[in-house]
Amino acid sequence: DEMNTSLTDRQRVQLAQLEYYDWQVGQVVRLPDKTTIGTVGQVINTPDGFQATVIKSGLQKQVILLRGSSGIRRGDPTTWTNEWLRVNLPVGDAILHQLPDIPTEMWTATHHVNQLLAANPTTRFYIYGHSLGSINGQFALANCRYPDRVAGAWLYEGPNLYWLLNARQRRIALNLRCQIFNYIDPRDVVALGYLDDQHTVGLLRVIRSPLVSPISQHMWGGYQFDQAGRLLLADEAGPHYRAILDQHLFDQVHRLSR
């Protein structure tokens, strides 16, 4: 499966970054190195804020790009405030206090992903999401009714939704675990709630990152690649990893909620 094996870690990050672009149906989607991903088949924008782009990539392959918080990229204070207050911070608060109060946008994401999978029974789906897109992706996958149609999911810099899932949702997520790659920069304040690599949606991949500015850290700014385009990962067994994650969950989220 070319789509599944031929893209490097760097190309996958570049593909996820394209979720922030305002695509139009019929446009051809290419990576910066001119690799063609496919043609935009559908653009979804719902009143509660859910945004996604569906790319047709060959006869029986589709890519779903789940859009993150555009306010972060654009630096528009109102978008930042609206999106963070509406979804990201309630999710962070719910994780900290273990109170599953799920914003409607996450249910909207679930509905649209299941609808796409249902309408295309012979198609293999590749799902990408960053930030709010990772939140929506984790939740949609934990409520996925057609797990056999998910070829893979690459999610970046979202908080750990595992703590908000009920027993049934956790079972579905476990069934899909090996298809989902959940990347976090341990220095990113948004990617909170990861205490170990078992209580997660998908396989946790902690990157080895330098410290950069907070918004840059969140926007893949700490991601480093080798010459073959492979992402540099942290030593997950190291005490440094645990120390960052623990501090991360209990302290740093309060900076965002002030």
C-alpha atoms as a PDB file:
ATOM      1  CA  ASP A   1       0.000   0.000   0.000  1.00  0.00           C
ATOM      2  CA  GLU A   2       1.944   2.957  -1.327  1.00  0.00           C
ATOM      3  CA  MET A   3       0.232   5.571   0.829  1.00  0.00           C
ATOM      4  CA  ASN A   4       0.912   3.574   3.961  1.00  0.00           C
ATOM      5  CA  THR A   5       4.551   2.722   3.401  1.00  0.00           C
ATOM      6  CA  SER A   6       6.122   5.302   1.144  1.00  0.00           C
ATOM      7  CA  LEU A   7       5.599   8.538   3.097  1.00  0.00           C
ATOM      8  CA  THR A   8       8.353   9.471   5.535  1.00  0.00           C
ATOM      9  CA  ASP A   9       7.679  10.876   9.002  1.00  0.00           C
ATOM     10  CA  ARG A  10       8.580  14.321   7.630  1.00  0.00           C
ATOM     11  CA  GLN A  11       6.110  13.962   4.736  1.00  0.00           C
ATOM     12  CA  ARG A  12       3.365  12.869   7.130  1.00  0.00           C
ATOM     13  CA  VAL A  13       3.932  15.995   9.231  1.00  0.00           C
ATOM     14  CA  GLN A  14       3.844  18.090   6.041  1.00  0.00           C
ATOM     15  CA  LEU A  15       0.572  16.401   5.047  1.00  0.00           C
ATOM     16  CA  ALA A  16      -0.929  17.097   8.482  1.00  0.00           C
ATOM     17  CA  GLN A  17       0.172  20.739   8.161  1.00  0.00           C
ATOM     18  CA  LEU A  18      -1.985  21.022   5.021  1.00  0.00           C
ATOM     19  CA  GLU A  19      -5.095  20.718   7.205  1.00  0.00           C
ATOM     20  CA  TYR A  20      -4.728  24.456   7.907  1.00  0.00           C
ATOM     21  CA  TYR A  21      -5.000  25.368   4.225  1.00  0.00           C
ATOM     22  CA  ASP A  22      -8.387  26.515   2.876  1.00  0.00           C
ATOM     23  CA  TRP A  23      -8.911  23.807   0.251  1.00  0.00           C
ATOM     24  CA  GLN A  24     -11.521  23.856  -2.515  1.00  0.00           C
ATOM     25  CA  VAL A  25     -13.158  20.760  -4.007  1.00  0.00           C
ATOM     26  CA  GLY A  26     -11.223  19.601  -7.076  1.00  0.00           C
ATOM     27  CA  GLN A  27      -7.843  21.021  -6.032  1.00  0.00           C
ATOM     28  CA  VAL A  28      -4.823  18.741  -6.298  1.00  0.00           C
ATOM     29  CA  VAL A  29      -3.044  18.240  -2.966  1.00  0.00           C
ATOM     30  CA  ARG A  30       0.754  18.079  -3.139  1.00  0.00           C
ATOM     31  CA  LEU A  31       3.463  18.083  -0.492  1.00  0.00           C
ATOM     32  CA  PRO A  32       6.285  20.682  -0.613  1.00  0.00           C
ATOM     33  CA  ASP A  33       8.485  18.121  -2.428  1.00  0.00           C
ATOM     34  CA  LYS A  34       5.761  17.839  -5.118  1.00  0.00           C
ATOM     35  CA  THR A  35       4.592  14.385  -3.991  1.00  0.00           C
ATOM     36  CA  THR A  36       0.941  14.175  -5.094  1.00  0.00           C
ATOM     37  CA  ILE A  37      -1.463  13.014  -2.388  1.00  0.00           C
ATOM     38  CA  GLY A  38      -4.697  13.255  -4.374  1.00  0.00           C
ATOM     39  CA  THR A  39      -7.636  15.522  -5.202  1.00  0.00           C
ATOM     40  CA  VAL A  40      -9.937  17.263  -2.728  1.00  0.00           C
ATOM     41  CA  GLY A  41     -13.294  15.480  -2.845  1.00  0.00           C
ATOM     42  CA  GLN A  42     -15.076  17.205   0.017  1.00  0.00           C
ATOM     43  CA  VAL A  43     -14.626  20.122   2.421  1.00  0.00           C
ATOM     44  CA  ILE A  44     -16.609  19.946   5.673  1.00  0.00           C
ATOM     45  CA  ASN A  45     -17.363  23.029   7.796  1.00  0.00           C
ATOM     46  CA  THR A  46     -20.053  22.700  10.461  1.00  0.00           C
ATOM     47  CA  PRO A  47     -21.684  25.449  12.582  1.00  0.00           C
ATOM     48  CA  ASP A  48     -20.106  24.093  15.793  1.00  0.00           C
ATOM     49  CA  GLY A  49     -16.622  24.554  14.360  1.00  0.00           C
ATOM     50  CA  PHE A  50     -15.693  21.111  13.026  1.00  0.00           C
ATOM     51  CA  GLN A  51     -13.548  21.381   9.886  1.00  0.00           C
ATOM     52  CA  ALA A  52     -12.153  18.617   7.695  1.00  0.00           C
ATOM     53  CA  THR A  53     -10.845  18.073   4.169  1.00  0.00           C
ATOM     54  CA  VAL A  54     -11.368  14.745   2.408  1.00  0.00           C
ATOM     55  CA  ILE A  55      -8.828  13.859  -0.290  1.00  0.00           C
ATOM     56  CA  LYS A  56      -9.365  11.137  -2.872  1.00  0.00           C
ATOM     57  CA  SER A  57      -6.027   9.374  -3.211  1.00  0.00           C
ATOM     58  CA  GLY A  58      -6.363   6.670  -5.850  1.00  0.00           C
ATOM     59  CA  LEU A  59      -9.340   4.398  -6.462  1.00  0.00           C
ATOM     60  CA  GLN A  60      -9.887   2.995  -2.996  1.00  0.00           C
ATOM     61  CA  LYS A  61      -7.978   5.358  -0.716  1.00  0.00           C
ATOM     62  CA  GLN A  62      -9.066   8.542   0.979  1.00  0.00           C
ATOM     63  CA  VAL A  63      -7.245  10.876   3.335  1.00  0.00           C
ATOM     64  CA  ILE A  64      -9.154  12.808   6.005  1.00  0.00           C
ATOM     65  CA  LEU A  65      -7.409  15.955   7.271  1.00  0.00           C
ATOM     66  CA  LEU A  66      -8.965  17.079  10.563  1.00  0.00           C
ATOM     67  CA  ARG A  67      -8.300  20.752  11.077  1.00  0.00           C
ATOM     68  CA  GLY A  68      -6.770  22.078  14.286  1.00  0.00           C
ATOM     69  CA  SER A  69      -7.197  25.460  15.961  1.00  0.00           C
ATOM     70  CA  SER A  70      -6.565  27.898  13.140  1.00  0.00           C
ATOM     71  CA  GLY A  71      -6.195  30.758  15.620  1.00  0.00           C
ATOM     72  CA  ILE A  72      -2.858  29.377  16.753  1.00  0.00           C
ATOM     73  CA  ARG A  73      -1.409  29.466  13.260  1.00  0.00           C
ATOM     74  CA  ARG A  74      -2.935  32.803  12.299  1.00  0.00           C
ATOM     75  CA  GLY A  75      -2.434  34.499  15.644  1.00  0.00           C
ATOM     76  CA  ASP A  76      -5.985  35.858  15.661  1.00  0.00           C
ATOM     77  CA  PRO A  77      -6.818  36.374  19.361  1.00  0.00           C
ATOM     78  CA  THR A  78     -10.554  35.811  18.926  1.00  0.00           C
ATOM     79  CA  THR A  79     -10.109  32.476  17.164  1.00  0.00           C
ATOM     80  CA  TRP A  80      -7.593  31.453  19.802  1.00  0.00           C
ATOM     81  CA  THR A  81     -10.022  32.398  22.588  1.00  0.00           C
ATOM     82  CA  ASN A  82     -13.120  30.944  20.957  1.00  0.00           C
ATOM     83  CA  GLU A  83     -11.557  27.629  20.009  1.00  0.00           C
ATOM     84  CA  TRP A  84      -9.641  27.211  23.234  1.00  0.00           C
ATOM     85  CA  LEU A  85     -12.568  28.115  25.439  1.00  0.00           C
ATOM     86  CA  ARG A  86     -14.999  26.034  23.408  1.00  0.00           C
ATOM     87  CA  VAL A  87     -13.054  22.781  23.058  1.00  0.00           C
ATOM     88  CA  ASN A  88      -9.416  22.638  24.044  1.00  0.00           C
ATOM     89  CA  LEU A  89      -9.617  24.047  27.575  1.00  0.00           C
ATOM     90  CA  PRO A  90     -12.799  22.172  28.563  1.00  0.00           C
ATOM     91  CA  VAL A  91     -11.065  18.990  27.398  1.00  0.00           C
ATOM     92  CA  GLY A  92      -7.971  19.884  29.430  1.00  0.00           C
ATOM     93  CA  ASP A  93     -10.113  20.669  32.464  1.00  0.00           C
ATOM     94  CA  ALA A  94     -12.079  17.444  32.038  1.00  0.00           C
ATOM     95  CA  ILE A  95      -8.837  15.447  31.832  1.00  0.00           C
ATOM     96  CA  LEU A  96      -7.486  17.069  34.993  1.00  0.00           C
ATOM     97  CA  HIS A  97     -10.696  16.472  36.937  1.00  0.00           C
ATOM     98  CA  GLN A  98     -11.746  13.230  35.177  1.00  0.00           C
ATOM     99  CA  LEU A  99     -15.158  14.703  34.307  1.00  0.00           C
ATOM    100  CA  PRO A 100     -16.141  13.720  30.776  1.00  0.00           C
ATOM    101  CA  ASP A 101     -17.892  16.801  29.439  1.00  0.00           C
ATOM    102  CA  ILE A 102     -17.596  16.286  25.698  1.00  0.00           C
ATOM    103  CA  PRO A 103     -17.994  19.372  23.451  1.00  0.00           C
ATOM    104  CA  THR A 104     -20.474  18.923  20.580  1.00  0.00           C
ATOM    105  CA  GLU A 105     -17.739  19.366  17.975  1.00  0.00           C
ATOM    106  CA  MET A 106     -16.210  16.030  19.001  1.00  0.00           C
ATOM    107  CA  TRP A 107     -19.527  14.253  18.411  1.00  0.00           C
ATOM    108  CA  THR A 108     -19.813  16.070  15.055  1.00  0.00           C
ATOM    109  CA  ALA A 109     -16.363  14.763  14.089  1.00  0.00           C
ATOM    110  CA  THR A 110     -17.435  11.244  15.075  1.00  0.00           C
ATOM    111  CA  HIS A 111     -20.617  11.498  12.984  1.00  0.00           C
ATOM    112  CA  HIS A 112     -18.785  12.735   9.867  1.00  0.00           C
ATOM    113  CA  VAL A 113     -15.956  10.192  10.086  1.00  0.00           C
ATOM    114  CA  ASN A 114     -18.400   7.303  10.565  1.00  0.00           C
ATOM    115  CA  GLN A 115     -20.552   8.647   7.724  1.00  0.00           C
ATOM    116  CA  LEU A 116     -17.544   8.747   5.368  1.00  0.00           C
ATOM    117  CA  LEU A 117     -16.506   5.219   6.334  1.00  0.00           C
ATOM    118  CA  ALA A 118     -20.067   3.927   5.964  1.00  0.00           C
ATOM    119  CA  ALA A 119     -20.480   5.458   2.492  1.00  0.00           C
ATOM    120  CA  ASN A 120     -17.231   3.930   1.195  1.00  0.00           C
ATOM    121  CA  PRO A 121     -17.141   0.273   2.279  1.00  0.00           C
ATOM    122  CA  THR A 122     -14.256  -0.751  -0.006  1.00  0.00           C
ATOM    123  CA  THR A 123     -12.110   2.319   0.724  1.00  0.00           C
ATOM    124  CA  ARG A 124      -9.111   2.476   3.063  1.00  0.00           C
ATOM    125  CA  PHE A 125      -8.984   5.685   5.114  1.00  0.00           C
ATOM    126  CA  TYR A 126      -5.925   7.571   6.352  1.00  0.00           C
ATOM    127  CA  ILE A 127      -6.673  10.114   9.074  1.00  0.00           C
ATOM    128  CA  TYR A 128      -4.471  13.074  10.053  1.00  0.00           C
ATOM    129  CA  GLY A 129      -5.062  15.637  12.778  1.00  0.00           C
ATOM    130  CA  HIS A 130      -3.147  18.216  14.805  1.00  0.00           C
ATOM    131  CA  SER A 131      -4.148  19.926  18.059  1.00  0.00           C
ATOM    132  CA  LEU A 132      -7.942  20.216  17.979  1.00  0.00           C
ATOM    133  CA  GLY A 133      -7.720  17.872  14.962  1.00  0.00           C
ATOM    134  CA  SER A 134      -6.005  15.294  17.198  1.00  0.00           C
ATOM    135  CA  ILE A 135      -8.739  15.713  19.825  1.00  0.00           C
ATOM    136  CA  ASN A 136     -11.450  15.158  17.201  1.00  0.00           C
ATOM    137  CA  GLY A 137      -9.471  12.297  15.641  1.00  0.00           C
ATOM    138  CA  GLN A 138      -8.934  10.458  18.935  1.00  0.00           C
ATOM    139  CA  PHE A 139     -12.605  10.782  19.830  1.00  0.00           C
ATOM    140  CA  ALA A 140     -13.897   9.782  16.376  1.00  0.00           C
ATOM    141  CA  LEU A 141     -11.613   6.730  16.342  1.00  0.00           C
ATOM    142  CA  ALA A 142     -12.769   5.707  19.837  1.00  0.00           C
ATOM    143  CA  ASN A 143     -16.330   5.783  18.464  1.00  0.00           C
ATOM    144  CA  CYS A 144     -15.482   4.226  15.097  1.00  0.00           C
ATOM    145  CA  ARG A 145     -18.126   1.831  13.774  1.00  0.00           C
ATOM    146  CA  TYR A 146     -15.990   0.558  10.855  1.00  0.00           C
ATOM    147  CA  PRO A 147     -12.503  -0.088  12.282  1.00  0.00           C
ATOM    148  CA  ASP A 148     -11.571  -2.361   9.361  1.00  0.00           C
ATOM    149  CA  ARG A 149     -11.729   0.675   7.022  1.00  0.00           C
ATOM    150  CA  VAL A 150      -9.126   2.664   8.978  1.00  0.00           C
ATOM    151  CA  ALA A 151      -5.754   1.986   7.366  1.00  0.00           C
ATOM    152  CA  GLY A 152      -3.938   4.353   9.706  1.00  0.00           C
ATOM    153  CA  ALA A 153      -4.157   7.566  11.715  1.00  0.00           C
ATOM    154  CA  TRP A 154      -1.402  10.077  12.480  1.00  0.00           C
ATOM    155  CA  LEU A 155      -2.306  12.493  15.246  1.00  0.00           C
ATOM    156  CA  TYR A 156      -0.127  15.312  16.565  1.00  0.00           C
ATOM    157  CA  GLU A 157      -0.023  17.492  19.689  1.00  0.00           C
ATOM    158  CA  GLY A 158      -3.408  16.796  21.239  1.00  0.00           C
ATOM    159  CA  PRO A 159      -4.182  16.124  24.914  1.00  0.00           C
ATOM    160  CA  ASN A 160      -4.750  12.519  25.995  1.00  0.00           C
ATOM    161  CA  LEU A 161      -8.441  11.772  25.472  1.00  0.00           C
ATOM    162  CA  TYR A 162      -8.154   8.282  26.958  1.00  0.00           C
ATOM    163  CA  TRP A 163      -9.185   9.596  30.384  1.00  0.00           C
ATOM    164  CA  LEU A 164     -12.489  10.910  28.979  1.00  0.00           C
ATOM    165  CA  LEU A 165     -13.531   7.658  27.309  1.00  0.00           C
ATOM    166  CA  ASN A 166     -16.015   5.158  28.713  1.00  0.00           C
ATOM    167  CA  ALA A 167     -15.319   1.418  28.789  1.00  0.00           C
ATOM    168  CA  ARG A 168     -16.851   0.793  25.358  1.00  0.00           C
ATOM    169  CA  GLN A 169     -14.906   3.641  23.728  1.00  0.00           C
ATOM    170  CA  ARG A 170     -11.677   2.381  25.318  1.00  0.00           C
ATOM    171  CA  ARG A 171     -12.310  -1.087  23.860  1.00  0.00           C
ATOM    172  CA  ILE A 172     -12.779   0.351  20.355  1.00  0.00           C
ATOM    173  CA  ALA A 173      -9.616   2.449  20.752  1.00  0.00           C
ATOM    174  CA  LEU A 174      -7.712  -0.638  21.918  1.00  0.00           C
ATOM    175  CA  ASN A 175      -8.913  -2.577  18.866  1.00  0.00           C
ATOM    176  CA  LEU A 176      -7.509   0.215  16.637  1.00  0.00           C
ATOM    177  CA  ARG A 177      -4.396   0.820  18.752  1.00  0.00           C
ATOM    178  CA  CYS A 178      -1.814  -0.391  16.232  1.00  0.00           C
ATOM    179  CA  GLN A 179      -3.279   1.731  13.415  1.00  0.00           C
ATOM    180  CA  ILE A 180      -3.056   4.990  15.380  1.00  0.00           C
ATOM    181  CA  PHE A 181       0.201   6.896  15.898  1.00  0.00           C
ATOM    182  CA  ASN A 182      -0.173   9.577  18.558  1.00  0.00           C
ATOM    183  CA  TYR A 183       2.772  12.014  18.484  1.00  0.00           C
ATOM    184  CA  ILE A 184       3.473  14.488  21.273  1.00  0.00           C
ATOM    185  CA  ASP A 185       6.214  16.951  22.064  1.00  0.00           C
ATOM    186  CA  PRO A 186       6.606  16.648  25.872  1.00  0.00           C
ATOM    187  CA  ARG A 187       7.438  20.366  26.007  1.00  0.00           C
ATOM    188  CA  ASP A 188       4.106  21.352  24.411  1.00  0.00           C
ATOM    189  CA  VAL A 189       1.646  22.503  27.100  1.00  0.00           C
ATOM    190  CA  VAL A 190      -1.309  21.413  24.952  1.00  0.00           C
ATOM    191  CA  ALA A 191      -0.329  17.736  24.854  1.00  0.00           C
ATOM    192  CA  LEU A 192      -1.271  17.030  28.456  1.00  0.00           C
ATOM    193  CA  GLY A 193      -2.478  13.946  30.300  1.00  0.00           C
ATOM    194  CA  TYR A 194       0.076  11.389  29.100  1.00  0.00           C
ATOM    195  CA  LEU A 195       1.246   9.546  32.222  1.00  0.00           C
ATOM    196  CA  ASP A 196       2.424   6.350  30.516  1.00  0.00           C
ATOM    197  CA  ASP A 197       2.313   4.737  27.073  1.00  0.00           C
ATOM    198  CA  GLN A 198      -0.561   2.332  27.808  1.00  0.00           C
ATOM    199  CA  HIS A 199      -3.458   4.616  28.787  1.00  0.00           C
ATOM    200  CA  THR A 200      -3.573   6.344  25.403  1.00  0.00           C
ATOM    201  CA  VAL A 201      -5.543   6.374  22.176  1.00  0.00           C
ATOM    202  CA  GLY A 202      -3.120   4.669  19.788  1.00  0.00           C
ATOM    203  CA  LEU A 203       0.616   4.114  20.085  1.00  0.00           C
ATOM    204  CA  LEU A 204       2.285   6.996  21.912  1.00  0.00           C
ATOM    205  CA  ARG A 205       5.311   8.480  20.161  1.00  0.00           C
ATOM    206  CA  VAL A 206       7.189  11.060  22.244  1.00  0.00           C
ATOM    207  CA  ILE A 207       9.507  13.206  20.172  1.00  0.00           C
ATOM    208  CA  ARG A 208      12.968  14.432  21.163  1.00  0.00           C
ATOM    209  CA  SER A 209      12.595  18.188  21.053  1.00  0.00           C
ATOM    210  CA  PRO A 210      14.567  21.339  21.806  1.00  0.00           C
ATOM    211  CA  LEU A 211      12.804  24.099  23.737  1.00  0.00           C
ATOM    212  CA  VAL A 212      11.302  26.751  21.441  1.00  0.00           C
ATOM    213  CA  SER A 213       8.579  29.374  21.969  1.00  0.00           C
ATOM    214  CA  PRO A 214       5.234  27.950  23.224  1.00  0.00           C
ATOM    215  CA  ILE A 215       3.233  28.463  20.017  1.00  0.00           C
ATOM    216  CA  SER A 216       6.095  27.211  17.858  1.00  0.00           C
ATOM    217  CA  GLN A 217       6.455  24.176  20.182  1.00  0.00           C
ATOM    218  CA  HIS A 218       2.798  23.385  19.560  1.00  0.00           C
ATOM    219  CA  MET A 219       3.095  23.894  15.781  1.00  0.00           C
ATOM    220  CA  TRP A 220       5.706  21.115  15.269  1.00  0.00           C
ATOM    221  CA  GLY A 221       8.539  23.585  16.062  1.00  0.00           C
ATOM    222  CA  GLY A 222      10.461  21.024  18.130  1.00  0.00           C
ATOM    223  CA  TYR A 223      10.187  18.210  15.579  1.00  0.00           C
ATOM    224  CA  GLN A 224      13.586  17.083  14.286  1.00  0.00           C
ATOM    225  CA  PHE A 225      14.225  14.621  11.438  1.00  0.00           C
ATOM    226  CA  ASP A 226      17.232  12.663  10.266  1.00  0.00           C
ATOM    227  CA  GLN A 227      18.405  12.756   6.648  1.00  0.00           C
ATOM    228  CA  ALA A 228      16.006   9.963   5.689  1.00  0.00           C
ATOM    229  CA  GLY A 229      13.054  11.985   7.021  1.00  0.00           C
ATOM    230  CA  ARG A 230      12.658   9.885  10.182  1.00  0.00           C
ATOM    231  CA  LEU A 231      11.432  11.688  13.274  1.00  0.00           C
ATOM    232  CA  LEU A 232      13.790  11.733  16.254  1.00  0.00           C
ATOM    233  CA  LEU A 233      12.025  10.147  19.229  1.00  0.00           C
ATOM    234  CA  ALA A 234      12.727  10.508  22.951  1.00  0.00           C
ATOM    235  CA  ASP A 235      14.063   7.669  25.039  1.00  0.00           C
ATOM    236  CA  GLU A 236      10.761   6.652  26.597  1.00  0.00           C
ATOM    237  CA  ALA A 237      12.428   4.805  29.469  1.00  0.00           C
ATOM    238  CA  GLY A 238      14.403   7.830  30.614  1.00  0.00           C
ATOM    239  CA  PRO A 239      13.486   9.629  33.854  1.00  0.00           C
ATOM    240  CA  HIS A 240      13.629  12.937  31.913  1.00  0.00           C
ATOM    241  CA  TYR A 241      10.634  11.766  29.883  1.00  0.00           C
ATOM    242  CA  ARG A 242       8.565  10.938  32.949  1.00  0.00           C
ATOM    243  CA  ALA A 243       9.549  14.126  34.766  1.00  0.00           C
ATOM    244  CA  ILE A 244       8.486  16.296  31.841  1.00  0.00           C
ATOM    245  CA  LEU A 245       5.164  14.479  31.418  1.00  0.00           C
ATOM    246  CA  ASP A 246       4.233  14.626  35.100  1.00  0.00           C
ATOM    247  CA  GLN A 247       5.119  18.283  35.502  1.00  0.00           C
ATOM    248  CA  HIS A 248       3.321  18.937  32.251  1.00  0.00           C
ATOM    249  CA  LEU A 249      -0.015  17.520  33.378  1.00  0.00           C
ATOM    250  CA  PHE A 250      -0.238  19.043  36.818  1.00  0.00           C
ATOM    251  CA  ASP A 251       1.392  22.444  36.385  1.00  0.00           C
ATOM    252  CA  GLN A 252       1.551  23.746  32.862  1.00  0.00           C
ATOM    253  CA  VAL A 253      -2.135  23.528  31.925  1.00  0.00           C
ATOM    254  CA  HIS A 254      -2.860  26.216  34.533  1.00  0.00           C
ATOM    255  CA  ARG A 255      -0.883  28.700  32.471  1.00  0.00           C
ATOM    256  CA  LEU A 256      -3.409  28.259  29.680  1.00  0.00           C
ATOM    257  CA  SER A 257      -6.441  28.449  31.938  1.00  0.00           C
ATOM    258  CA  ARG A 258      -5.518  31.720  33.641  1.00  0.00           C
END
